[in-house]
Amino acid sequence: MDLTEHTMISWDGAELFYRAWIPPKAKGKALLLFHRGHEHSGRWKETVDLLGLEDVSVFAWDARGHGRSSGKRGAAGNFADVVKDVDAFVRHISERYSVALGNTIMLAHSLGAISLLAWVHDYAPPIRAMILATAALRVRLYVPFAIPILRLKQKLIGAGYVTSYVKAKMLTHDPAQAVQYDADALIFRQIAVNVLLDLHDTARRLLADAGAIHTPTLMLGAGKDWVVSLGAQRQFFDKLSSSVKQMIVSPNAYHAIFQEKDRRAIVRQVRDFIIERFAQPLVTPSFLYADQIGYTRDEYERLSRPGGVKFAVARAGLKAAGRLSNGVDLGWRNGFDSGLSLDYVYKNQPHGTTSVGRLIDKSYLNSIGWRGIRQRRTHLEKSLKNAIERTHRNGRPVRILDIAAGPGRYVLETLRMCLEIPVSAILRDYKQENIDAARALAQEFGLDNVKVQRGDAFDRGSLASIEPRATIGIVSGLYELFSSNDAVLNSLGGLADAIEPGGYLIYTNQPWHPQMEFIARVLRNREGRPWIMRRRTTAEMDQLVRASGFEKIDMEVDQWGMFTVSIARRVLSLNNHAC
C-alpha cells in the first residue's frame, strides 16, 4: 500500500496531521490507529506493513501537540480536548473516505487507548470493534504520592511538564528498535501536568464504568510492562459488557508491544481479530429495555437499598450546613433537583449566614456535580444558539418549545443573544413556582415573544396539540430524574408530534456521575424522597431518541464525562424501531 500524508482541521481549528494507507482493493472498511503518548503516526508504519490488509484502508493520526500536528508539544487544554479530537478525526475519515462507522475498527496503544476509550464510553459510536494495546488504565508512577504532589504543584505554581522516566530499553527487548526510539526527533518525552492528571482521572472513571461499554474488544497486555498496570487492564476486561471480548497477554513483552522482538506474532493476532470482526455481521444490542434489565438497572436497585451509618452522618451534617448556607437550605426545602435549586446553581453566587455560611455555600456550589451542571448549561446555550441560527439560515421560522423549562434561564438568556433573529418560544413546566419564576425573568429581560404555561412533559396528547408546531424542541435535565424508559418514550413521542419534520431536538443525558451513591443516600428530591437516579448510557439515550423519530447529528460532553447535550433532527417519517 502506498503511504500518503494529509491534514485536517479539528473542532477548535487545530490542524491535525495523519497518514493514510489505502489499498487498491479498498472496500469501504477502515482501521484507525492511535499512537502511544509522546509518539506519532510514523511509528505505525511497520505494523501496517505486517498487517497486510488488502481491502481495509488504514489511517493513523498525530495527536495534537505530537508529531507533525499543531499545538504546544505534549500539551492540550485538557484531556477532553483530545477526546473531541478523536471524534473530529473519526468524522473526517468517515465523511472524506465514505466509510461508515459500522465498518470501522480502532486500534489504540497506551495513552491513545484511553482517549479512544473515553470517546467510545462518552459518545457511544456504533463502530465495528476496538483493539486496546497495553492500555494506560493505571500508569505506574514510582514516585510516592505523585498524583497529590502534581495536583498541588499545578494549583500553586501553574502549568508545567513531567519528563518521562521511561528509557527505550524499558519499552522493548529489541536493541534496534530502542535505537530508533532514541533517535526519533518527533518523539517528545515530556507530558503536560494537566494532561497527565486528566489522564489519571479519566482512566479511573473508565475503569469504574467499564460495564457501560458493549463494543467488541480485543485487549493486548504485556507481562513485563514497566509503564502501565496489567492488573488494571485485567480488571477493565472483566467488567466490560461486550458480548465479544478477548484478552491476550504476551508474558515476556515490555510495554511497546508493536516494537517488541515477537511483534510479528502480536500483529498476527490483531490481524486475525480484524478479519474475523469484518467477516461477522454488525450487531448492535438494544437498550430500549435497559430500565428493566442490565448494568444501570442493577446499579439503580443497589442504590435503592438503605445505606450505612456514614451516609446518615453525612445527611445530618448537610442539614446542619443548611442553617448557614442558602444553597443547601434551598435544596432541603425545595429538593436538590428542583428548578429553583438549579437556577441557584446557574447563578453561582455564594450566599449564607455569616462568612462561614458563605464559605460553605461556595464549597457546595463548587462540587463536581454542580460544576458539570454549569458546563451543561454552557453547552445548552451553544447548541440552542446554533440551532436558532441554522433554522433561520434555512429560511424556516424559529419556534422554540421547552417542555420542562424550570425557571427557563438558559433559554431566556440565549434569546437575549439572538435579538436580531425573529424567535417565538413556549416554556412549559408543571410547577407553579417555576412558571412564576420564568415569567418574571422573561419580563426582566424584556422578552415579549415568550409564552410560559403549565404543562406535563409526559402527556403526549398535550404536547401533540401545541400549535403551531415547533422547529426547535428542548428537553433538559428531565429524563435523568426518571428511571422508566416507557415514560421517556411517551414524552419523546409527544415531542416528535410537536416538532416539524426537519426540526431539531436538543436533549440532555447523564451517562456518568462520580457521586451517584452520595446523592442517593444523602440528598432529597423535589418530592421529599431520596434522590435516586438511574443513569442512561449514551447508547441507551440515543436509541430512545432514534426510536421516537429523530436522528442524532451532534453532541457535547463536559470534561468529566458526566453530562451530555445532543442535537437530533426530526426525520420526515416516524419510524419506531429499536436500533
Protein backbone atom coordinates (compact mmCIF):
# COMPACT_ATOMS: atom_id res chain seq x y z
CA MET A 1 0.00 0.00 0.00
CA ASP A 2 1.20 3.49 -0.81
CA LEU A 3 1.56 5.92 2.07
CA THR A 4 0.03 9.38 1.70
CA GLU A 5 0.10 12.32 4.11
CA HIS A 6 -2.78 14.64 4.95
CA THR A 7 -4.03 17.27 7.38
CA MET A 8 -7.47 18.07 8.77
CA ILE A 9 -8.98 20.84 10.88
CA SER A 10 -10.28 19.71 14.25
CA TRP A 11 -13.23 21.07 16.25
CA ASP A 12 -11.35 24.16 17.51
CA GLY A 13 -9.35 24.97 14.40
CA ALA A 14 -6.29 22.94 15.35
CA GLU A 15 -4.55 21.31 12.37
CA LEU A 16 -4.05 17.57 12.82
CA PHE A 17 -1.67 15.56 10.66
CA TYR A 18 -2.42 11.98 9.64
CA ARG A 19 -1.05 9.24 7.43
CA ALA A 20 -3.17 7.04 5.15
CA TRP A 21 -2.55 3.65 3.59
CA ILE A 22 -5.33 2.98 1.09
CA PRO A 23 -5.07 -0.31 -0.84
CA PRO A 24 -6.18 -0.60 -4.48
CA LYS A 25 -8.86 -3.08 -3.43
CA ALA A 26 -10.31 -0.93 -0.61
CA LYS A 27 -13.92 -1.89 0.09
CA GLY A 28 -15.28 0.80 2.38
CA LYS A 29 -13.64 -0.57 5.52
CA ALA A 30 -11.18 1.28 7.73
CA LEU A 31 -8.72 0.73 10.58
CA LEU A 32 -7.85 3.83 12.61
CA LEU A 33 -4.63 3.90 14.64
CA PHE A 34 -3.94 5.96 17.80
CA HIS A 35 -0.31 6.10 18.98
CA ARG A 36 1.23 5.97 22.45
CA GLY A 37 1.94 9.06 24.49
CA HIS A 38 5.00 11.04 23.32
CA GLU A 39 4.96 9.36 19.88
CA HIS A 40 3.46 9.91 16.41
CA SER A 41 1.81 8.14 13.48
CA GLY A 42 5.08 7.26 11.76
CA ARG A 43 5.70 4.67 14.46
CA TRP A 44 2.89 2.55 12.98
CA LYS A 45 4.47 2.01 9.54
CA GLU A 46 5.94 -1.44 10.20
CA THR A 47 2.74 -2.57 11.93
CA VAL A 48 0.68 -1.53 8.90
CA ASP A 49 3.05 -3.43 6.60
CA LEU A 50 2.85 -6.55 8.77
CA LEU A 51 -0.95 -6.40 8.93
CA GLY A 52 -1.12 -6.63 5.15
CA LEU A 53 -4.85 -5.80 4.98
CA GLU A 54 -5.66 -5.89 1.27
CA ASP A 55 -9.17 -4.42 1.41
CA VAL A 56 -9.01 -2.20 4.52
CA SER A 57 -7.86 1.43 4.45
CA VAL A 58 -5.63 2.38 7.37
CA PHE A 59 -5.38 5.85 8.91
CA ALA A 60 -3.07 6.99 11.73
CA TRP A 61 -3.10 10.41 13.33
CA ASP A 62 -0.64 12.55 15.19
CA ALA A 63 -2.50 13.68 18.31
CA ARG A 64 -2.47 17.44 18.97
CA GLY A 65 0.87 18.52 20.37
CA HIS A 66 2.55 15.42 18.90
CA GLY A 67 4.48 14.62 15.74
CA ARG A 68 3.53 16.96 12.92
CA SER A 69 0.21 18.13 14.34
CA SER A 70 -0.22 21.65 15.67
CA GLY A 71 -0.25 22.60 19.31
CA LYS A 72 2.21 23.04 22.12
CA ARG A 73 4.33 19.90 22.42
CA GLY A 74 2.94 17.27 24.79
CA ALA A 75 0.09 19.53 25.84
CA ALA A 76 -3.63 20.21 25.44
CA GLY A 77 -6.19 22.43 27.16
CA ASN A 78 -7.35 19.28 28.92
CA PHE A 79 -7.67 15.59 28.09
CA ALA A 80 -11.27 16.14 26.96
CA ASP A 81 -9.90 18.24 24.08
CA VAL A 82 -8.05 15.16 22.82
CA VAL A 83 -11.23 13.08 23.09
CA LYS A 84 -13.06 15.69 21.00
CA ASP A 85 -10.20 15.44 18.51
CA VAL A 86 -10.87 11.70 18.28
CA ASP A 87 -14.49 12.43 17.41
CA ALA A 88 -13.46 15.03 14.81
CA PHE A 89 -10.87 12.67 13.28
CA VAL A 90 -13.34 9.79 13.00
CA ARG A 91 -15.98 12.06 11.45
CA HIS A 92 -13.42 13.37 8.98
CA ILE A 93 -12.32 9.90 7.88
CA SER A 94 -15.93 8.71 7.63
CA GLU A 95 -17.04 11.67 5.53
CA ARG A 96 -13.97 12.16 3.32
CA TYR A 97 -13.38 8.48 2.54
CA SER A 98 -17.04 7.32 2.65
CA VAL A 99 -16.52 4.77 5.43
CA ALA A 100 -19.48 4.06 7.72
CA LEU A 101 -18.75 3.85 11.44
CA GLY A 102 -20.08 0.30 11.38
CA ASN A 103 -17.24 -0.59 9.01
CA THR A 104 -14.55 0.97 11.19
CA ILE A 105 -12.22 -0.71 13.69
CA MET A 106 -9.99 1.21 16.10
CA LEU A 107 -6.53 0.19 17.31
CA ALA A 108 -5.08 2.28 20.13
CA HIS A 109 -1.91 1.95 22.19
CA SER A 110 -1.26 3.01 25.81
CA LEU A 111 -2.37 6.64 26.35
CA GLY A 112 -4.03 6.55 22.93
CA ALA A 113 -6.21 3.72 24.22
CA ILE A 114 -7.59 5.97 26.97
CA SER A 115 -8.53 8.76 24.56
CA LEU A 116 -10.23 6.14 22.36
CA LEU A 117 -11.99 4.51 25.32
CA ALA A 118 -13.27 7.84 26.60
CA TRP A 119 -14.71 8.52 23.14
CA VAL A 120 -16.34 5.08 22.98
CA HIS A 121 -17.76 5.46 26.50
CA ASP A 122 -18.99 9.05 26.20
CA TYR A 123 -20.09 9.17 22.56
CA ALA A 124 -21.20 5.51 22.12
CA PRO A 125 -20.26 5.34 18.41
CA PRO A 126 -21.55 2.25 16.54
CA ILE A 127 -18.08 1.13 15.47
CA ARG A 128 -17.31 -2.44 14.42
CA ALA A 129 -14.72 -3.16 17.14
CA MET A 130 -11.75 -1.80 19.08
CA ILE A 131 -8.29 -3.13 19.95
CA LEU A 132 -6.62 -1.81 23.11
CA ALA A 133 -2.89 -2.42 23.41
CA THR A 134 -1.24 -2.02 26.85
CA ALA A 135 -3.96 0.49 27.77
CA ALA A 136 -2.85 3.15 30.28
CA LEU A 137 -5.70 2.48 32.69
CA ARG A 138 -3.25 2.90 35.55
CA VAL A 139 0.14 4.47 34.84
CA ARG A 140 2.96 3.24 37.04
CA LEU A 141 4.19 6.36 38.84
CA TYR A 142 7.07 5.24 41.01
CA VAL A 143 7.35 8.48 43.00
CA PRO A 144 5.32 8.17 46.24
CA PHE A 145 2.19 10.37 46.28
CA ALA A 146 2.95 11.53 42.73
CA ILE A 147 -0.64 12.46 41.86
CA PRO A 148 -1.37 14.58 45.00
CA ILE A 149 2.01 16.28 44.62
CA LEU A 150 1.32 17.12 40.96
CA ARG A 151 -2.15 18.46 41.83
CA LEU A 152 -0.63 20.72 44.49
CA LYS A 153 2.12 21.82 42.11
CA GLN A 154 -0.41 22.71 39.41
CA LYS A 155 -2.53 24.66 41.90
CA LEU A 156 0.34 26.60 43.43
CA ILE A 157 2.75 27.04 40.51
CA GLY A 158 0.59 26.53 37.44
CA ALA A 159 1.07 24.59 34.25
CA GLY A 160 4.24 22.58 33.83
CA TYR A 161 5.67 19.39 32.42
CA VAL A 162 6.73 15.97 33.61
CA THR A 163 9.59 14.26 31.80
CA SER A 164 9.09 10.57 31.10
CA TYR A 165 11.30 8.33 33.21
CA VAL A 166 10.91 5.50 30.69
CA LYS A 167 14.07 4.59 28.78
CA ALA A 168 13.92 2.87 25.41
CA LYS A 169 15.33 -0.33 26.90
CA MET A 170 12.28 -0.45 29.24
CA LEU A 171 9.94 -0.36 26.24
CA THR A 172 11.33 -3.15 24.07
CA HIS A 173 13.78 -6.07 24.15
CA ASP A 174 14.78 -5.27 20.56
CA PRO A 175 18.03 -3.21 20.58
CA ALA A 176 17.45 -1.89 17.04
CA GLN A 177 14.00 -0.63 17.97
CA ALA A 178 15.42 1.01 21.11
CA VAL A 179 18.00 2.84 18.98
CA GLN A 180 15.25 4.01 16.60
CA TYR A 181 13.21 5.31 19.55
CA ASP A 182 16.13 7.30 20.95
CA ALA A 183 16.97 8.76 17.51
CA ASP A 184 13.40 9.78 16.59
CA ALA A 185 13.30 13.60 16.63
CA LEU A 186 9.47 13.63 16.54
CA ILE A 187 9.16 11.83 19.87
CA PHE A 188 8.63 14.37 22.65
CA ARG A 189 9.50 12.87 26.03
CA GLN A 190 7.52 15.26 28.21
CA ILE A 191 3.82 15.49 29.04
CA ALA A 192 1.94 18.48 30.43
CA VAL A 193 0.98 18.07 34.09
CA ASN A 194 -2.70 18.88 33.45
CA VAL A 195 -2.89 16.23 30.72
CA LEU A 196 -1.28 13.62 32.96
CA LEU A 197 -3.70 14.40 35.79
CA ASP A 198 -6.67 14.34 33.43
CA LEU A 199 -5.43 11.04 32.02
CA HIS A 200 -5.32 9.64 35.56
CA ASP A 201 -8.84 10.83 36.37
CA THR A 202 -10.30 9.71 33.04
CA ALA A 203 -8.73 6.25 33.35
CA ARG A 204 -10.19 5.86 36.85
CA ARG A 205 -13.63 6.81 35.54
CA LEU A 206 -13.40 4.36 32.66
CA LEU A 207 -12.20 1.59 34.93
CA ALA A 208 -15.12 2.20 37.29
CA ASP A 209 -17.69 2.29 34.48
CA ALA A 210 -16.36 -0.33 32.05
CA GLY A 211 -19.72 -2.10 32.27
CA ALA A 212 -21.27 0.69 30.20
CA ILE A 213 -19.24 -0.39 27.15
CA HIS A 214 -20.58 -3.06 24.77
CA THR A 215 -18.19 -2.66 21.82
CA PRO A 216 -16.48 -5.87 20.63
CA THR A 217 -12.99 -5.67 22.11
CA LEU A 218 -9.56 -7.25 21.87
CA MET A 219 -7.14 -6.32 24.67
CA LEU A 220 -3.39 -6.87 24.39
CA GLY A 221 -1.31 -6.85 27.55
CA ALA A 222 2.41 -7.12 28.29
CA GLY A 223 3.56 -9.41 31.09
CA LYS A 224 6.63 -7.28 31.89
CA ASP A 225 5.19 -3.82 31.47
CA TRP A 226 7.15 -1.16 33.38
CA VAL A 227 4.85 1.66 32.25
CA VAL A 228 1.23 0.67 32.95
CA SER A 229 -0.53 -1.81 35.22
CA LEU A 230 -1.51 -5.15 33.69
CA GLY A 231 -3.81 -5.74 36.68
CA ALA A 232 -5.87 -2.65 35.83
CA GLN A 233 -6.27 -3.93 32.27
CA ARG A 234 -7.49 -7.30 33.55
CA GLN A 235 -9.93 -5.55 35.87
CA PHE A 236 -11.28 -3.46 32.99
CA PHE A 237 -11.62 -6.54 30.79
CA ASP A 238 -13.58 -8.40 33.47
CA LYS A 239 -16.04 -5.51 33.84
CA LEU A 240 -16.63 -4.98 30.10
CA SER A 241 -20.20 -5.74 29.00
CA SER A 242 -19.08 -6.62 25.46
CA SER A 243 -20.52 -9.92 24.24
CA VAL A 244 -17.38 -10.33 22.11
CA LYS A 245 -14.21 -9.75 24.10
CA GLN A 246 -10.78 -11.34 24.19
CA MET A 247 -7.62 -10.62 26.17
CA ILE A 248 -4.18 -11.82 25.12
CA VAL A 249 -1.12 -11.27 27.33
CA SER A 250 2.39 -11.65 25.93
CA PRO A 251 4.14 -12.88 29.08
CA ASN A 252 7.66 -11.66 28.32
CA ALA A 253 6.84 -8.45 26.47
CA TYR A 254 7.62 -4.91 27.56
CA HIS A 255 5.20 -2.02 27.07
CA ALA A 256 5.84 -1.18 23.38
CA ILE A 257 4.48 -4.50 22.09
CA PHE A 258 4.41 -3.38 18.43
CA GLN A 259 8.17 -2.76 18.62
CA GLU A 260 8.97 -5.94 20.58
CA LYS A 261 11.02 -8.87 19.29
CA ASP A 262 7.91 -11.03 18.90
CA ARG A 263 5.85 -8.26 17.28
CA ARG A 264 5.04 -10.39 14.25
CA ALA A 265 3.07 -12.82 16.42
CA ILE A 266 1.28 -9.92 18.14
CA VAL A 267 0.37 -8.27 14.84
CA ARG A 268 -0.87 -11.62 13.54
CA GLN A 269 -3.31 -11.80 16.48
CA VAL A 270 -4.50 -8.29 15.67
CA ARG A 271 -4.93 -9.19 12.01
CA ASP A 272 -6.94 -12.31 12.85
CA PHE A 273 -9.28 -10.29 15.07
CA ILE A 274 -9.78 -7.60 12.41
CA ILE A 275 -10.57 -10.14 9.70
CA GLU A 276 -12.96 -12.01 11.98
CA ARG A 277 -14.83 -8.89 13.02
CA PHE A 278 -15.27 -7.71 9.44
CA ALA A 279 -16.44 -11.19 8.44
CA GLN A 280 -19.18 -11.19 11.08
CA PRO A 281 -22.37 -9.10 10.69
CA LEU A 282 -22.55 -5.91 12.72
CA VAL A 283 -24.90 -6.49 15.66
CA THR A 284 -25.93 -3.56 17.85
CA PRO A 285 -27.55 -4.56 21.16
CA SER A 286 -30.87 -2.94 22.03
CA PHE A 287 -31.00 -0.82 25.19
CA LEU A 288 -34.68 0.12 24.99
CA TYR A 289 -35.35 -2.14 27.99
CA ALA A 290 -32.25 -1.20 29.98
CA ASP A 291 -34.56 0.16 32.67
CA GLN A 292 -35.74 -3.40 33.32
CA ILE A 293 -32.57 -5.42 33.00
CA GLY A 294 -28.90 -4.65 32.69
CA TYR A 295 -25.95 -2.79 34.09
CA THR A 296 -27.54 0.54 35.10
CA ARG A 297 -30.70 -1.19 36.36
CA ASP A 298 -28.59 -3.26 38.74
CA GLU A 299 -26.89 -0.09 39.99
CA TYR A 300 -30.28 1.57 40.48
CA GLU A 301 -31.54 -1.39 42.52
CA ARG A 302 -28.44 -1.28 44.69
CA LEU A 303 -28.84 2.44 45.33
CA SER A 304 -32.49 1.92 46.26
CA ARG A 305 -31.49 -0.18 49.26
CA PRO A 306 -30.71 1.52 52.62
CA GLY A 307 -27.25 2.95 53.07
CA GLY A 308 -24.89 2.73 56.03
CA VAL A 309 -24.24 4.86 59.07
CA LYS A 310 -21.70 7.09 57.30
CA PHE A 311 -24.42 8.39 54.96
CA ALA A 312 -26.73 9.12 57.90
CA VAL A 313 -23.90 11.15 59.46
CA ALA A 314 -23.30 12.96 56.16
CA ARG A 315 -27.02 13.75 55.86
CA ALA A 316 -27.12 15.17 59.39
CA GLY A 317 -24.04 17.27 58.66
CA LEU A 318 -25.54 18.63 55.45
CA LYS A 319 -28.78 19.51 57.26
CA ALA A 320 -26.74 21.44 59.78
CA ALA A 321 -24.92 23.20 56.93
CA GLY A 322 -28.33 24.24 55.58
CA ARG A 323 -28.76 26.54 58.56
CA LEU A 324 -25.86 28.63 57.27
CA SER A 325 -25.73 28.01 53.51
CA ASN A 326 -28.52 29.45 51.31
CA GLY A 327 -27.94 26.89 48.55
CA VAL A 328 -28.04 23.89 50.86
CA ASP A 329 -31.12 25.29 52.60
CA LEU A 330 -32.87 25.77 49.25
CA GLY A 331 -32.07 22.16 48.37
CA TRP A 332 -33.59 20.82 51.58
CA ARG A 333 -36.71 22.97 51.22
CA ASN A 334 -37.44 22.51 47.51
CA GLY A 335 -35.43 19.45 46.52
CA PHE A 336 -31.85 19.40 45.28
CA ASP A 337 -33.16 18.52 41.81
CA SER A 338 -35.78 21.30 41.73
CA GLY A 339 -35.83 24.08 39.15
CA LEU A 340 -35.18 26.66 41.84
CA SER A 341 -32.11 24.79 43.08
CA LEU A 342 -30.86 24.50 39.53
CA ASP A 343 -31.34 28.21 38.94
CA TYR A 344 -29.36 28.95 42.12
CA VAL A 345 -26.54 26.74 40.84
CA TYR A 346 -26.61 28.53 37.47
CA LYS A 347 -26.23 31.93 39.18
CA ASN A 348 -23.20 30.58 41.11
CA GLN A 349 -23.17 33.38 43.67
CA PRO A 350 -22.45 32.11 47.23
CA HIS A 351 -24.79 33.38 49.95
CA GLY A 352 -25.12 32.43 53.57
CA THR A 353 -25.41 33.44 57.17
CA THR A 354 -22.02 34.77 58.30
CA SER A 355 -18.75 34.32 56.45
CA VAL A 356 -18.72 30.65 57.44
CA GLY A 357 -22.07 30.15 55.73
CA ARG A 358 -20.82 31.83 52.56
CA LEU A 359 -17.74 29.60 52.62
CA ILE A 360 -19.94 26.50 52.97
CA ASP A 361 -22.14 27.75 50.14
CA LYS A 362 -19.10 28.34 47.92
CA SER A 363 -17.90 24.80 48.57
CA TYR A 364 -21.40 23.46 47.84
CA LEU A 365 -21.62 25.34 44.53
CA ASN A 366 -18.13 24.17 43.60
CA SER A 367 -18.92 20.45 43.96
CA ILE A 368 -18.13 18.49 40.82
CA GLY A 369 -21.79 17.77 40.07
CA TRP A 370 -22.77 21.44 40.05
CA ARG A 371 -19.70 22.37 38.02
CA GLY A 372 -20.85 19.81 35.50
CA ILE A 373 -24.36 21.28 35.53
CA ARG A 374 -22.99 24.73 34.75
CA GLN A 375 -20.94 23.29 31.89
CA ARG A 376 -24.10 21.58 30.66
CA ARG A 377 -25.79 24.97 30.64
CA THR A 378 -22.95 26.38 28.53
CA HIS A 379 -23.35 23.52 26.08
CA LEU A 380 -27.14 24.01 26.04
CA GLU A 381 -26.81 27.69 25.22
CA LYS A 382 -24.27 26.94 22.49
CA SER A 383 -26.44 24.19 20.99
CA LEU A 384 -29.59 26.30 21.14
CA LYS A 385 -27.86 29.30 19.57
CA ASN A 386 -26.53 27.08 16.76
CA ALA A 387 -29.98 25.57 16.18
CA ILE A 388 -31.60 29.02 16.06
CA GLU A 389 -29.05 30.31 13.56
CA ARG A 390 -29.25 27.16 11.42
CA THR A 391 -33.06 27.22 11.36
CA HIS A 392 -33.12 30.90 10.45
CA ARG A 393 -30.45 30.41 7.80
CA ASN A 394 -32.57 27.68 6.22
CA GLY A 395 -35.47 30.13 5.86
CA ARG A 396 -37.67 28.48 8.47
CA PRO A 397 -39.48 30.22 11.33
CA VAL A 398 -37.76 29.80 14.70
CA ARG A 399 -40.33 28.43 17.13
CA ILE A 400 -38.92 27.02 20.37
CA LEU A 401 -40.67 24.60 22.71
CA ASP A 402 -39.09 23.67 26.06
CA ILE A 403 -41.28 21.03 27.72
CA ALA A 404 -39.71 21.20 31.21
CA ALA A 405 -38.14 24.63 31.35
CA GLY A 406 -37.97 25.21 35.09
CA PRO A 407 -37.28 28.94 35.50
CA GLY A 408 -36.08 28.94 31.86
CA ARG A 409 -32.89 30.87 32.50
CA TYR A 410 -30.65 29.32 29.83
CA VAL A 411 -33.35 29.65 27.13
CA LEU A 412 -34.18 33.25 28.00
CA GLU A 413 -30.54 34.29 28.21
CA THR A 414 -29.88 32.68 24.83
CA LEU A 415 -32.83 34.56 23.32
CA ARG A 416 -31.30 37.79 24.60
CA MET A 417 -28.21 36.99 22.50
CA CYS A 418 -30.27 36.41 19.33
CA LEU A 419 -32.40 39.55 19.22
CA GLU A 420 -31.65 40.08 15.52
CA ILE A 421 -33.48 36.82 14.65
CA PRO A 422 -37.30 36.64 14.92
CA VAL A 423 -37.98 33.98 17.56
CA SER A 424 -41.03 32.81 19.48
CA ALA A 425 -40.86 30.43 22.43
CA ILE A 426 -43.18 28.38 24.62
CA LEU A 427 -41.79 27.41 28.00
CA ARG A 428 -43.73 24.76 29.89
CA ASP A 429 -43.38 23.36 33.40
CA TYR A 430 -45.66 21.56 35.82
CA LYS A 431 -44.73 23.54 38.95
CA GLN A 432 -46.25 26.95 39.53
CA GLU A 433 -43.13 28.28 41.26
CA ASN A 434 -41.10 27.62 38.11
CA ILE A 435 -43.78 29.16 35.89
CA ASP A 436 -43.81 32.29 38.03
CA ALA A 437 -40.00 32.49 38.01
CA ALA A 438 -39.83 32.09 34.20
CA ARG A 439 -42.46 34.77 33.63
CA ALA A 440 -40.63 37.17 35.94
CA LEU A 441 -37.32 36.53 34.19
CA ALA A 442 -38.84 36.99 30.71
CA GLN A 443 -40.32 40.29 31.87
CA GLU A 444 -36.99 41.34 33.39
CA PHE A 445 -35.26 40.62 30.06
CA GLY A 446 -37.97 42.44 28.11
CA LEU A 447 -38.84 39.37 26.05
CA ASP A 448 -42.45 39.66 24.87
CA ASN A 449 -42.06 36.79 22.39
CA VAL A 450 -42.14 34.15 25.15
CA LYS A 451 -45.19 32.31 26.47
CA VAL A 452 -44.91 30.49 29.81
CA GLN A 453 -47.56 27.90 30.59
CA ARG A 454 -48.30 24.92 32.77
CA GLY A 455 -47.82 21.55 31.09
CA ASP A 456 -46.96 17.92 31.74
CA ALA A 457 -43.84 16.83 29.84
CA PHE A 458 -45.05 13.22 29.86
CA ASP A 459 -48.53 13.93 28.45
CA ARG A 460 -48.13 13.02 24.79
CA GLY A 461 -51.58 14.25 23.80
CA SER A 462 -50.96 17.64 25.39
CA LEU A 463 -47.63 18.02 23.59
CA ALA A 464 -49.10 16.92 20.26
CA SER A 465 -51.82 19.56 20.50
CA ILE A 466 -49.38 22.50 20.63
CA GLU A 467 -49.84 24.81 17.64
CA PRO A 468 -48.03 25.98 15.66
CA ARG A 469 -45.55 23.13 15.69
CA ALA A 470 -42.08 23.93 16.96
CA THR A 471 -38.96 23.94 14.82
CA ILE A 472 -36.72 23.52 17.88
CA GLY A 473 -37.69 21.34 20.84
CA ILE A 474 -35.81 21.14 24.13
CA VAL A 475 -35.86 18.65 26.98
CA SER A 476 -33.13 19.35 29.51
CA GLY A 477 -32.41 17.73 32.85
CA LEU A 478 -35.75 15.90 32.90
CA TYR A 479 -35.30 12.32 31.77
CA GLU A 480 -32.32 11.94 34.10
CA LEU A 481 -34.80 12.11 37.00
CA PHE A 482 -36.99 9.21 35.83
CA SER A 483 -35.96 5.56 35.61
CA SER A 484 -38.73 4.34 33.29
CA ASN A 485 -37.99 4.19 29.57
CA ASP A 486 -41.70 3.89 28.80
CA ALA A 487 -42.25 7.34 30.32
CA VAL A 488 -39.33 8.77 28.34
CA LEU A 489 -40.53 7.20 25.09
CA ASN A 490 -44.00 8.62 25.69
CA SER A 491 -42.56 12.10 26.21
CA LEU A 492 -40.26 11.80 23.19
CA GLY A 493 -43.23 10.66 21.13
CA GLY A 494 -45.04 13.84 22.16
CA LEU A 495 -42.03 15.89 21.12
CA ALA A 496 -41.97 14.11 17.76
CA ASP A 497 -45.61 15.11 17.32
CA ALA A 498 -44.88 18.68 18.40
CA ILE A 499 -41.81 19.30 16.19
CA GLU A 500 -41.97 19.84 12.45
CA PRO A 501 -40.18 17.30 10.22
CA GLY A 502 -36.67 18.60 9.72
CA GLY A 503 -36.81 20.47 13.02
CA TYR A 504 -34.33 19.99 15.85
CA LEU A 505 -34.46 18.34 19.26
CA ILE A 506 -31.94 19.35 21.92
CA TYR A 507 -31.74 16.81 24.72
CA THR A 508 -29.51 16.09 27.70
CA ASN A 509 -28.31 12.95 29.41
CA GLN A 510 -26.23 11.86 32.38
CA PRO A 511 -24.17 8.81 31.43
CA TRP A 512 -21.86 9.10 34.44
CA HIS A 513 -21.63 10.74 37.85
CA PRO A 514 -18.92 10.10 40.46
CA GLN A 515 -21.28 10.93 43.37
CA MET A 516 -24.26 8.71 42.49
CA GLU A 517 -24.22 6.90 45.82
CA PHE A 518 -23.78 10.05 47.92
CA ILE A 519 -26.69 11.70 46.10
CA ALA A 520 -28.94 8.68 46.57
CA ARG A 521 -28.09 8.17 50.24
CA VAL A 522 -27.95 11.78 51.42
CA LEU A 523 -29.92 14.22 49.24
CA ARG A 524 -33.67 14.61 48.76
CA ASN A 525 -35.51 15.30 45.52
CA ARG A 526 -38.32 17.74 44.77
CA GLU A 527 -40.86 15.27 46.20
CA GLY A 528 -39.01 14.90 49.51
CA ARG A 529 -37.79 11.38 48.75
CA PRO A 530 -34.22 10.09 48.34
CA TRP A 531 -32.78 11.41 45.09
CA ILE A 532 -32.07 8.08 43.39
CA MET A 533 -31.23 8.24 39.71
CA ARG A 534 -30.78 5.55 37.08
CA ARG A 535 -28.05 6.54 34.67
CA ARG A 536 -28.63 6.04 30.98
CA THR A 537 -25.60 5.30 28.86
CA THR A 538 -25.22 7.46 25.78
CA ALA A 539 -26.09 4.42 23.65
CA GLU A 540 -29.36 3.90 25.55
CA MET A 541 -30.43 7.52 25.38
CA ASP A 542 -29.61 7.79 21.69
CA GLN A 543 -31.61 4.66 20.93
CA LEU A 544 -34.66 6.07 22.73
CA VAL A 545 -34.37 9.26 20.70
CA ARG A 546 -33.93 7.39 17.44
CA ALA A 547 -36.85 5.05 18.15
CA SER A 548 -39.01 8.17 18.58
CA GLY A 549 -38.27 9.53 15.12
CA PHE A 550 -35.09 11.60 15.50
CA GLU A 551 -31.60 11.28 14.04
CA LYS A 552 -28.72 12.44 16.23
CA ILE A 553 -26.32 14.80 14.49
CA ASP A 554 -24.04 16.26 17.19
CA MET A 555 -23.12 16.06 20.88
CA GLU A 556 -21.20 17.98 23.54
CA VAL A 557 -19.90 16.50 26.80
CA ASP A 558 -18.11 18.07 29.76
CA GLN A 559 -14.51 17.23 30.63
CA TRP A 560 -15.62 14.86 33.41
CA GLY A 561 -17.90 12.81 31.15
CA MET A 562 -20.96 13.50 33.32
CA PHE A 563 -23.48 15.45 31.25
CA THR A 564 -24.12 15.40 27.52
CA VAL A 565 -26.05 17.80 25.32
CA SER A 566 -27.10 16.40 21.95
CA ILE A 567 -28.87 17.71 18.86
CA ALA A 568 -31.08 15.46 16.77
CA ARG A 569 -33.12 16.14 13.64
CA ARG A 570 -36.78 15.14 13.33
CA VAL A 571 -36.89 12.71 10.43
CA LEU A 572 -39.56 13.05 7.76
CA SER A 573 -41.46 9.94 8.83
CA LEU A 574 -41.75 8.48 12.30
CA ASN A 575 -40.11 5.06 12.36
CA ASN A 576 -40.49 3.44 15.75
CA HIS A 577 -37.93 0.69 15.85
CA ALA A 578 -35.09 -0.49 18.01
CA CYS A 579 -31.61 0.38 16.84
